[in-house]
Amino acid sequence: MSSTTLVALLSGPDQPGLVAKVSGYIYQHGGNIIHADQHRDPEENIFFQRIEWDPMKTPAGEAAKEFTEFARSLGMSARVADSSHRPRVAIMVSRFAHCFHDLILRWKAGELPAEIVAVVSNHPDLEAESRHYGLPFYHLPIDPAQKEASEDHQLEALRPHRPELVVMARYMQILSSSFLDKVGCPVINIHHSFLPAFAGGKPYHQAYRRGVKLIGATAHYATPVLDDGPIIQQDVVRVTHRHHIKELIRKGRQLEQAVLAQAVLWQLQNRILVYGNKTVVFD
């Protein structure tokens, strides 16, 4: 029996018998299905599936390649990952440190199956904390007049670390399309869910003055358009007139930590399929 399992994420036009064909293929090739889940979008007529299996006597690399070819023969696209693989993760952060610390402490506690390899910031504030965690820190300010050059410096710093995921842990800059194209991996962002109602600075102060009854947080894939990428996870908490600004901020930061950590975990566990500007999350 192999020492690892494979996880495949499949998507493509719906057709009769897909579940039977996929499970039959794995059985016929000596594999053992550990878990399977599927979803159909009736509006788009697209079928999605996440399936995890033990390839048994077949080497994982060979089994992954053969399964990808099999999926293609069905008209499906497939991404296959080794469940034992720990992706390399880089963190981008500005000055707000709550998500930064939360992710690293979860990683240190073994909750995130990854290797955090670097921290990039446009401010120097978190250098000592990064060094304390044993992580290389790169202070690379953004010059608005030369943003592309500034981002190229960030990419140069990241390149030797070969990140497979970048997490914007309250990194307060919009990444350009050039950066997102060149970085070569998914980028996940987190923000409060007041947009577009309370845009700009001090959103919790604006929310307090409007007497909001819900505050929330949204984790999504980054795109060149501000906070417009496919949504991965969201959550909200109720507040009342008794909650003052500091309490709103505290609750909002706790939500941001939890929502971002969940989105990152799902990404690391290969549970997210993106189509259009939406996601299917097999949680």
Protein backbone atom coordinates (compact mmCIF):
# COMPACT_ATOMS: atom_id res chain seq x y z
CA MET A 1 0.00 0.00 0.00
CA SER A 2 1.28 3.52 -0.80
CA SER A 3 2.22 5.87 2.02
CA THR A 4 0.20 8.77 0.63
CA THR A 5 -3.19 9.63 -0.80
CA LEU A 6 -4.03 11.69 -3.85
CA VAL A 7 -6.63 14.44 -4.07
CA ALA A 8 -8.19 15.38 -7.40
CA LEU A 9 -10.33 18.41 -8.16
CA LEU A 10 -12.32 17.94 -11.36
CA SER A 11 -14.59 20.25 -13.33
CA GLY A 12 -16.25 20.18 -16.72
CA PRO A 13 -19.55 19.87 -18.59
CA ASP A 14 -22.03 17.66 -16.79
CA GLN A 15 -22.88 14.32 -18.40
CA PRO A 16 -24.54 11.11 -17.22
CA GLY A 17 -22.40 8.60 -15.35
CA LEU A 18 -19.46 10.80 -14.35
CA VAL A 19 -19.42 9.66 -10.72
CA ALA A 20 -19.57 6.02 -11.78
CA LYS A 21 -16.85 6.49 -14.40
CA VAL A 22 -14.45 8.19 -11.97
CA SER A 23 -14.97 5.72 -9.14
CA GLY A 24 -14.83 2.82 -11.60
CA TYR A 25 -11.52 4.04 -12.98
CA ILE A 26 -9.96 4.22 -9.52
CA TYR A 27 -11.27 0.74 -8.65
CA GLN A 28 -10.06 -0.78 -11.92
CA HIS A 29 -6.57 0.64 -11.29
CA GLY A 30 -6.33 -0.87 -7.83
CA GLY A 31 -7.04 2.28 -5.84
CA ASN A 32 -9.17 2.73 -2.74
CA ILE A 33 -11.43 5.80 -2.43
CA ILE A 34 -11.11 7.55 0.93
CA HIS A 35 -13.57 10.39 0.37
CA ALA A 36 -15.62 11.80 -2.50
CA ASP A 37 -17.88 14.82 -2.89
CA GLN A 38 -19.48 16.45 -5.89
CA HIS A 39 -21.58 19.40 -6.96
CA ARG A 40 -23.49 20.38 -10.11
CA ASP A 41 -24.21 23.95 -11.15
CA PRO A 42 -27.59 23.63 -12.91
CA GLU A 43 -27.35 27.14 -14.38
CA GLU A 44 -24.01 26.53 -16.08
CA ASN A 45 -24.39 22.73 -16.43
CA ILE A 46 -20.95 22.23 -14.91
CA PHE A 47 -19.99 19.24 -12.77
CA PHE A 48 -17.46 19.54 -9.95
CA GLN A 49 -15.90 16.79 -7.90
CA ARG A 50 -13.28 16.37 -5.19
CA ILE A 51 -12.09 12.82 -4.74
CA GLU A 52 -9.38 11.49 -2.45
CA TRP A 53 -7.97 8.00 -2.89
CA ASP A 54 -5.09 5.72 -2.00
CA PRO A 55 -3.46 4.56 -5.26
CA MET A 56 -2.28 1.46 -3.38
CA LYS A 57 0.53 -0.17 -5.38
CA THR A 58 0.81 2.49 -8.07
CA PRO A 59 3.43 5.22 -7.41
CA ALA A 60 1.69 8.51 -6.59
CA GLY A 61 3.33 10.49 -9.40
CA GLU A 62 2.42 7.92 -12.01
CA ALA A 63 -1.14 7.58 -10.68
CA ALA A 64 -1.63 11.37 -10.73
CA LYS A 65 -0.46 11.66 -14.35
CA GLU A 66 -2.64 8.76 -15.51
CA PHE A 67 -5.71 10.13 -13.70
CA THR A 68 -5.25 13.57 -15.30
CA GLU A 69 -5.18 11.94 -18.74
CA PHE A 70 -8.28 9.90 -17.86
CA ALA A 71 -10.15 13.05 -16.77
CA ARG A 72 -9.20 14.75 -20.03
CA SER A 73 -10.71 11.83 -21.95
CA LEU A 74 -14.02 12.64 -20.21
CA GLY A 75 -13.83 16.29 -21.21
CA MET A 76 -12.93 17.25 -17.64
CA SER A 77 -10.03 19.31 -16.33
CA ALA A 78 -8.33 17.89 -13.25
CA ARG A 79 -5.79 19.10 -10.73
CA VAL A 80 -4.22 16.27 -8.73
CA ALA A 81 -2.19 16.81 -5.56
CA ASP A 82 -0.31 14.60 -3.13
CA SER A 83 -2.03 15.00 0.24
CA SER A 84 1.30 14.70 2.06
CA HIS A 85 2.76 17.71 0.25
CA ARG A 86 3.22 20.81 2.41
CA PRO A 87 2.96 23.87 0.13
CA ARG A 88 5.43 26.73 0.55
CA VAL A 89 3.62 29.86 1.74
CA ALA A 90 4.75 33.50 1.74
CA ILE A 91 3.02 36.15 3.84
CA MET A 92 2.58 39.76 2.79
CA VAL A 93 1.67 42.18 5.57
CA SER A 94 1.68 45.91 6.29
CA ARG A 95 1.28 47.18 9.86
CA PHE A 96 -1.82 45.40 11.22
CA ALA A 97 -0.35 42.28 12.82
CA HIS A 98 -3.33 40.23 14.02
CA CYS A 99 -3.69 37.98 10.95
CA PHE A 100 0.08 37.72 10.60
CA HIS A 101 0.53 36.38 14.14
CA ASP A 102 -2.56 34.17 13.94
CA LEU A 103 -1.41 32.38 10.79
CA ILE A 104 2.10 31.79 12.07
CA LEU A 105 0.93 30.50 15.45
CA ARG A 106 -1.53 28.13 13.78
CA TRP A 107 1.31 26.94 11.56
CA LYS A 108 3.61 26.48 14.55
CA ALA A 109 0.85 24.49 16.28
CA GLY A 110 0.56 22.16 13.28
CA GLU A 111 -2.90 23.37 12.22
CA LEU A 112 -1.80 24.48 8.75
CA PRO A 113 -0.15 21.77 6.59
CA ALA A 114 2.35 24.13 4.98
CA GLU A 115 5.81 25.62 5.22
CA ILE A 116 5.81 29.38 5.76
CA VAL A 117 8.98 30.49 4.00
CA ALA A 118 9.09 34.30 3.95
CA VAL A 119 7.47 37.57 5.04
CA VAL A 120 7.29 40.59 2.75
CA SER A 121 6.17 43.98 4.00
CA ASN A 122 5.98 47.55 2.78
CA HIS A 123 6.74 48.67 6.35
CA PRO A 124 9.53 47.67 8.78
CA ASP A 125 7.27 47.26 11.83
CA LEU A 126 7.13 43.43 11.93
CA GLU A 127 10.76 42.62 11.21
CA ALA A 128 11.66 41.72 14.81
CA GLU A 129 8.60 39.50 15.17
CA SER A 130 9.37 37.72 11.88
CA ARG A 131 12.95 37.09 12.92
CA HIS A 132 11.68 35.79 16.27
CA TYR A 133 9.59 33.22 14.38
CA GLY A 134 12.66 32.24 12.38
CA LEU A 135 11.31 33.68 9.13
CA PRO A 136 13.22 35.81 6.61
CA PHE A 137 11.77 39.31 6.45
CA TYR A 138 11.92 41.65 3.46
CA HIS A 139 11.10 45.31 3.96
CA LEU A 140 10.28 46.55 0.47
CA PRO A 141 8.42 49.86 0.38
CA ILE A 142 6.02 50.65 -2.46
CA ASP A 143 6.75 53.80 -4.44
CA PRO A 144 3.40 54.83 -5.98
CA ALA A 145 5.27 56.58 -8.81
CA GLN A 146 7.19 53.40 -9.63
CA LYS A 147 4.86 50.65 -8.48
CA GLU A 148 5.88 48.09 -11.09
CA ALA A 149 9.55 48.45 -10.15
CA SER A 150 8.66 48.18 -6.46
CA GLU A 151 6.67 45.00 -7.09
CA ASP A 152 9.53 43.57 -9.15
CA HIS A 153 11.75 43.91 -6.07
CA GLN A 154 9.16 41.97 -4.09
CA LEU A 155 9.06 39.25 -6.73
CA GLU A 156 12.85 39.02 -6.72
CA ALA A 157 12.77 38.54 -2.94
CA LEU A 158 10.10 35.85 -3.20
CA ARG A 159 11.57 33.95 -6.14
CA PRO A 160 14.28 31.98 -4.23
CA HIS A 161 11.62 30.81 -1.74
CA ARG A 162 9.44 29.31 -4.54
CA PRO A 163 6.07 30.10 -2.92
CA GLU A 164 3.08 28.00 -3.92
CA LEU A 165 0.68 30.33 -2.11
CA VAL A 166 0.86 33.99 -1.12
CA VAL A 167 -1.32 35.25 1.73
CA MET A 168 -2.11 38.93 2.11
CA ALA A 169 -2.44 39.06 5.90
CA ARG A 170 -3.76 42.64 5.93
CA TYR A 171 -1.31 43.81 3.28
CA MET A 172 -2.73 47.23 2.52
CA GLN A 173 -1.82 47.51 -1.15
CA ILE A 174 -3.56 46.48 -4.36
CA LEU A 175 -1.42 43.97 -6.24
CA SER A 176 -1.12 44.76 -9.93
CA SER A 177 -2.04 42.38 -12.73
CA SER A 178 1.67 42.22 -13.56
CA PHE A 179 2.53 41.01 -10.04
CA LEU A 180 -0.29 38.47 -10.00
CA ASP A 181 0.77 37.11 -13.39
CA LYS A 182 4.43 36.86 -12.46
CA VAL A 183 4.13 35.43 -8.94
CA GLY A 184 2.94 32.14 -10.41
CA CYS A 185 0.69 30.97 -7.57
CA PRO A 186 -2.68 31.77 -5.95
CA VAL A 187 -2.90 34.86 -3.75
CA ILE A 188 -5.48 35.03 -0.93
CA ASN A 189 -6.59 38.32 0.61
CA ILE A 190 -8.66 39.22 3.69
CA HIS A 191 -10.70 42.33 4.36
CA HIS A 192 -13.62 43.56 6.42
CA SER A 193 -17.05 43.21 4.84
CA PHE A 194 -18.12 46.83 5.05
CA LEU A 195 -17.24 47.49 1.43
CA PRO A 196 -18.54 49.26 -0.55
CA ALA A 197 -20.65 51.03 2.08
CA PHE A 198 -17.76 52.21 4.27
CA ALA A 199 -14.80 52.58 1.95
CA GLY A 200 -11.64 54.44 2.85
CA GLY A 201 -10.06 54.96 6.25
CA LYS A 202 -11.45 54.00 9.65
CA PRO A 203 -14.31 51.77 8.44
CA TYR A 204 -15.21 50.71 11.99
CA HIS A 205 -15.61 54.35 13.01
CA GLN A 206 -17.91 54.87 10.02
CA ALA A 207 -19.87 51.72 10.91
CA TYR A 208 -20.22 52.83 14.52
CA ARG A 209 -21.64 56.18 13.46
CA ARG A 210 -24.17 54.40 11.23
CA GLY A 211 -25.22 52.01 14.01
CA VAL A 212 -24.53 48.79 12.09
CA LYS A 213 -25.89 45.55 13.52
CA LEU A 214 -23.56 43.16 11.66
CA ILE A 215 -19.83 43.22 11.03
CA GLY A 216 -18.05 40.67 8.91
CA ALA A 217 -14.93 39.54 7.08
CA THR A 218 -14.29 38.15 3.60
CA ALA A 219 -11.41 36.04 2.30
CA HIS A 220 -11.01 35.89 -1.47
CA TYR A 221 -8.49 35.36 -4.23
CA ALA A 222 -6.70 38.57 -5.13
CA THR A 223 -7.26 40.24 -8.49
CA PRO A 224 -6.08 43.60 -9.82
CA VAL A 225 -9.53 45.02 -8.97
CA LEU A 226 -9.86 45.94 -5.30
CA ASP A 227 -11.61 43.18 -3.31
CA ASP A 228 -13.27 41.76 -6.43
CA GLY A 229 -11.80 38.23 -6.60
CA PRO A 230 -13.64 34.92 -6.14
CA ILE A 231 -14.86 34.63 -2.55
CA ILE A 232 -13.59 31.68 -0.51
CA GLN A 233 -15.02 32.28 2.97
CA GLN A 234 -17.11 34.85 4.83
CA ASP A 235 -18.49 35.22 8.32
CA VAL A 236 -20.38 37.77 10.38
CA VAL A 237 -21.06 38.59 14.01
CA ARG A 238 -23.92 40.62 15.47
CA VAL A 239 -23.27 43.84 17.34
CA THR A 240 -25.54 46.25 19.17
CA HIS A 241 -25.63 49.85 20.31
CA ARG A 242 -23.71 48.73 23.41
CA HIS A 243 -20.57 47.94 21.41
CA HIS A 244 -18.19 50.87 21.12
CA ILE A 245 -15.57 51.38 18.43
CA LYS A 246 -12.81 49.45 20.21
CA GLU A 247 -15.17 46.49 20.66
CA LEU A 248 -16.16 46.60 16.98
CA ILE A 249 -12.50 46.59 15.98
CA ARG A 250 -11.72 43.69 18.32
CA LYS A 251 -14.59 41.61 17.00
CA GLY A 252 -13.71 42.48 13.42
CA ARG A 253 -10.10 41.42 13.86
CA GLN A 254 -11.13 38.12 15.42
CA LEU A 255 -13.37 37.47 12.42
CA GLU A 256 -10.59 38.35 10.00
CA GLN A 257 -8.25 35.91 11.73
CA ALA A 258 -10.75 33.04 11.67
CA VAL A 259 -11.98 33.64 8.11
CA LEU A 260 -8.48 33.98 6.66
CA ALA A 261 -7.19 30.90 8.49
CA GLN A 262 -10.13 28.84 7.21
CA ALA A 263 -9.62 30.00 3.63
CA VAL A 264 -5.91 29.23 3.77
CA LEU A 265 -6.58 25.78 5.26
CA TRP A 266 -9.06 24.92 2.50
CA GLN A 267 -6.50 26.02 -0.09
CA LEU A 268 -3.80 23.87 1.49
CA GLN A 269 -6.16 20.89 1.63
CA ASN A 270 -7.07 21.24 -2.06
CA ARG A 271 -10.76 21.91 -1.40
CA ILE A 272 -11.37 24.91 -3.69
CA LEU A 273 -12.36 25.00 -7.35
CA VAL A 274 -12.60 28.38 -9.10
CA TYR A 275 -14.87 28.98 -12.06
CA GLY A 276 -15.76 32.37 -13.42
CA ASN A 277 -15.72 34.70 -10.45
CA LYS A 278 -17.07 32.05 -8.06
CA THR A 279 -15.70 29.18 -6.04
CA VAL A 280 -16.89 25.71 -5.11
CA VAL A 281 -15.52 24.80 -1.68
CA PHE A 282 -15.70 21.15 -0.65
CA ASP A 283 -15.62 21.65 3.10
